[in-house]
């Protein structure tokens, strides 16, 4: 184990050296920079913008679905609808949410009549989640409204451009094989 120096800093520690007067602060490459790093900065900026827009869209959709359903509960409900029957543990793993947060959202959805909780057929100790007919009907309306929002983003695109965009998004969302 290394011993601290007189100033308490362990040997080999990287210490921020004072910047000479007038020297520019270090910075990450930006979208206006040349080369691959500038291109990557553009991608990161656009993904950030897309994430903000997605968050806004989900919040608006949650509000249209039911004003008393917060965006996180709405997102949990969407997962349940897509993967039912599923367990709260499935949601925790898939959505990287805290177990207690999922429990609260499921309770809220259950109280509102959007989720049913039933014992698993194979193991009655395990509780599975499924959406109610009420949730299915309401979600259909909201999805129709959401499609209109997304359509406005691709107005004027050809079918080929839309297909290419969907392919690029799929490729981006599929991590490269680390082999």
Protein backbone atom coordinates (compact mmCIF):
# COMPACT_ATOMS: atom_id res chain seq x y z
CA UNK A 1 0.00 0.00 0.00
CA UNK A 2 1.39 3.38 -0.92
CA UNK A 3 2.09 6.00 1.70
CA UNK A 4 0.77 9.52 1.28
CA UNK A 5 3.19 12.31 0.51
CA UNK A 6 3.60 15.32 2.80
CA UNK A 7 0.50 16.94 1.32
CA UNK A 8 -1.59 13.77 1.80
CA UNK A 9 -1.54 12.77 -1.87
CA UNK A 10 -0.59 9.14 -2.57
CA UNK A 11 2.45 8.65 -4.81
CA UNK A 12 1.50 8.36 -8.48
CA UNK A 13 -1.79 10.25 -8.07
CA UNK A 14 -2.68 12.50 -10.99
CA UNK A 15 -3.05 16.03 -9.72
CA UNK A 16 -4.68 18.79 -11.70
CA UNK A 17 -1.88 21.17 -12.53
CA UNK A 18 -2.74 24.84 -12.53
CA UNK A 19 -3.66 26.05 -16.00
CA UNK A 20 -1.39 28.77 -17.39
CA UNK A 21 -3.10 32.16 -17.66
CA UNK A 22 -4.91 32.49 -20.97
CA UNK A 23 -4.79 28.75 -21.71
CA UNK A 24 -8.05 27.23 -22.91
CA UNK A 25 -9.81 24.77 -20.63
CA UNK A 26 -9.67 21.17 -21.82
CA UNK A 27 -12.79 20.09 -23.68
CA UNK A 28 -14.35 17.09 -25.34
CA UNK A 29 -14.57 17.10 -29.12
CA UNK A 30 -17.70 18.80 -30.40
CA UNK A 31 -19.95 18.26 -33.43
CA UNK A 32 -18.09 20.98 -35.35
CA UNK A 33 -14.74 19.20 -34.97
CA UNK A 34 -13.29 17.33 -37.92
CA UNK A 35 -12.91 13.58 -38.06
CA UNK A 36 -14.53 10.65 -36.34
CA UNK A 37 -14.53 12.31 -32.88
CA UNK A 38 -16.56 15.22 -34.26
CA UNK A 39 -18.94 12.77 -35.91
CA UNK A 40 -19.29 10.84 -32.66
CA UNK A 41 -20.01 14.11 -30.83
CA UNK A 42 -22.79 14.79 -33.35
CA UNK A 43 -24.26 11.33 -32.76
CA UNK A 44 -24.13 11.79 -28.98
CA UNK A 45 -25.80 15.21 -29.25
CA UNK A 46 -28.57 13.87 -31.48
CA UNK A 47 -29.18 10.88 -29.22
CA UNK A 48 -29.39 13.26 -26.26
CA UNK A 49 -31.97 15.33 -28.13
CA UNK A 50 -33.88 12.16 -29.02
CA UNK A 51 -33.89 11.06 -25.38
CA UNK A 52 -35.27 14.42 -24.24
CA UNK A 53 -37.97 14.25 -26.92
CA UNK A 54 -38.79 10.64 -25.97
CA UNK A 55 -39.14 11.66 -22.33
CA UNK A 56 -41.49 14.50 -23.32
CA UNK A 57 -43.49 12.16 -25.55
CA UNK A 58 -43.85 9.52 -22.83
CA UNK A 59 -44.89 12.14 -20.26
CA UNK A 60 -47.53 13.51 -22.66
CA UNK A 61 -48.74 9.99 -23.52
CA UNK A 62 -48.96 9.10 -19.81
CA UNK A 63 -51.01 12.21 -19.18
CA UNK A 64 -53.36 11.41 -22.07
CA UNK A 65 -53.64 7.80 -20.88
CA UNK A 66 -54.67 8.85 -17.38
CA UNK A 67 -53.71 12.09 -15.62
CA UNK A 68 -53.14 10.16 -12.39
CA UNK A 69 -50.61 7.77 -13.97
CA UNK A 70 -47.06 9.13 -13.78
CA UNK A 71 -44.66 8.50 -16.69
CA UNK A 72 -42.76 5.75 -14.84
CA UNK A 73 -45.97 3.81 -14.15
CA UNK A 74 -47.01 4.30 -17.78
CA UNK A 75 -43.66 2.92 -18.91
CA UNK A 76 -44.07 -0.07 -16.56
CA UNK A 77 -47.56 -0.67 -17.97
CA UNK A 78 -46.19 -0.61 -21.52
CA UNK A 79 -43.65 -3.26 -20.50
CA UNK A 80 -46.36 -5.41 -18.89
CA UNK A 81 -48.54 -5.15 -21.99
CA UNK A 82 -45.70 -6.18 -24.27
CA UNK A 83 -44.34 -9.03 -22.10
CA UNK A 84 -47.35 -10.38 -20.22
CA UNK A 85 -47.55 -12.42 -18.22
CA UNK A 86 -44.47 -11.11 -16.46
CA UNK A 87 -43.27 -10.61 -12.91
CA UNK A 88 -42.16 -7.51 -11.06
CA UNK A 89 -38.66 -9.05 -11.09
CA UNK A 90 -38.78 -9.17 -14.90
CA UNK A 91 -39.56 -5.44 -14.94
CA UNK A 92 -36.75 -4.66 -12.48
CA UNK A 93 -34.23 -6.48 -14.69
CA UNK A 94 -35.46 -5.17 -18.03
CA UNK A 95 -35.95 -1.56 -17.03
CA UNK A 96 -33.09 -1.20 -14.52
CA UNK A 97 -35.49 0.17 -11.92
CA UNK A 98 -35.33 -0.27 -8.18
CA UNK A 99 -37.47 -3.11 -6.84
CA UNK A 100 -39.38 -0.78 -4.51
CA UNK A 101 -40.04 1.67 -7.36
CA UNK A 102 -41.52 -1.12 -9.49
CA UNK A 103 -43.60 -2.28 -6.55
CA UNK A 104 -45.02 1.24 -6.10
CA UNK A 105 -45.80 1.61 -9.81
CA UNK A 106 -47.48 -1.79 -9.99
CA UNK A 107 -49.56 -0.97 -6.90
CA UNK A 108 -50.64 2.33 -8.47
CA UNK A 109 -51.56 0.59 -11.75
CA UNK A 110 -53.41 -2.14 -9.90
CA UNK A 111 -55.41 0.37 -7.81
CA UNK A 112 -56.31 2.27 -10.99
CA UNK A 113 -57.59 -0.92 -12.60
CA UNK A 114 -54.94 -1.18 -15.31
CA UNK A 115 -53.03 -4.25 -14.08
CA UNK A 116 -54.15 -7.60 -12.69
CA UNK A 117 -51.91 -9.63 -10.39
CA UNK A 118 -52.48 -13.40 -10.47
CA UNK A 119 -50.57 -16.43 -9.19
CA UNK A 120 -48.34 -18.10 -11.77
CA UNK A 121 -49.87 -21.34 -13.10
CA UNK A 122 -46.60 -23.24 -12.69
CA UNK A 123 -45.67 -21.86 -9.26
CA UNK A 124 -48.47 -20.32 -7.22
CA UNK A 125 -45.98 -18.48 -5.00
CA UNK A 126 -44.94 -16.33 -7.97
CA UNK A 127 -47.28 -13.47 -8.88
CA UNK A 128 -47.60 -12.53 -12.54
CA UNK A 129 -48.80 -9.27 -14.02
CA UNK A 130 -51.14 -8.73 -16.93
CA UNK A 131 -52.98 -5.75 -18.31
CA UNK A 132 -56.72 -5.33 -17.96
CA UNK A 133 -59.19 -4.81 -20.79
CA UNK A 134 -59.53 -1.22 -19.61
CA UNK A 135 -55.78 -0.67 -19.99
CA UNK A 136 -55.73 -2.33 -23.42
CA UNK A 137 -58.55 -0.13 -24.73
CA UNK A 138 -57.06 3.07 -23.35
CA UNK A 139 -53.56 2.21 -24.60
CA UNK A 140 -54.88 1.61 -28.11
CA UNK A 141 -56.21 5.18 -28.17
CA UNK A 142 -52.95 6.61 -26.83
CA UNK A 143 -50.85 4.64 -29.31
CA UNK A 144 -52.97 5.99 -32.14
CA UNK A 145 -52.34 9.53 -30.85
CA UNK A 146 -48.61 8.82 -30.47
CA UNK A 147 -48.37 7.62 -34.06
CA UNK A 148 -49.74 10.99 -35.15
CA UNK A 149 -47.01 12.74 -33.14
CA UNK A 150 -44.28 10.58 -34.70
CA UNK A 151 -45.78 10.95 -38.16
CA UNK A 152 -45.26 14.70 -37.89
CA UNK A 153 -41.52 14.04 -37.42
CA UNK A 154 -41.23 12.07 -40.66
CA UNK A 155 -43.63 14.08 -42.80
CA UNK A 156 -42.36 14.05 -46.36
CA UNK A 157 -40.12 11.01 -45.94
CA UNK A 158 -40.44 8.27 -48.54
CA UNK A 159 -41.25 4.69 -47.52
CA UNK A 160 -37.67 3.76 -48.40
CA UNK A 161 -36.28 6.50 -46.14
CA UNK A 162 -38.55 5.39 -43.31
CA UNK A 163 -37.48 1.76 -43.75
CA UNK A 164 -33.81 2.78 -43.82
CA UNK A 165 -34.26 4.87 -40.66
CA UNK A 166 -35.96 1.97 -38.86
CA UNK A 167 -33.07 -0.28 -39.93
CA UNK A 168 -30.46 2.18 -38.64
CA UNK A 169 -32.29 2.51 -35.30
CA UNK A 170 -32.46 -1.26 -34.99
CA UNK A 171 -28.77 -1.56 -35.80
CA UNK A 172 -27.91 1.12 -33.25
CA UNK A 173 -30.02 -0.55 -30.56
CA UNK A 174 -28.31 -3.90 -31.16
CA UNK A 175 -24.90 -3.76 -29.47
CA UNK A 176 -21.94 -5.02 -31.46
CA UNK A 177 -20.76 -8.54 -30.63
CA UNK A 178 -17.74 -8.01 -28.34
CA UNK A 179 -15.85 -11.02 -29.72
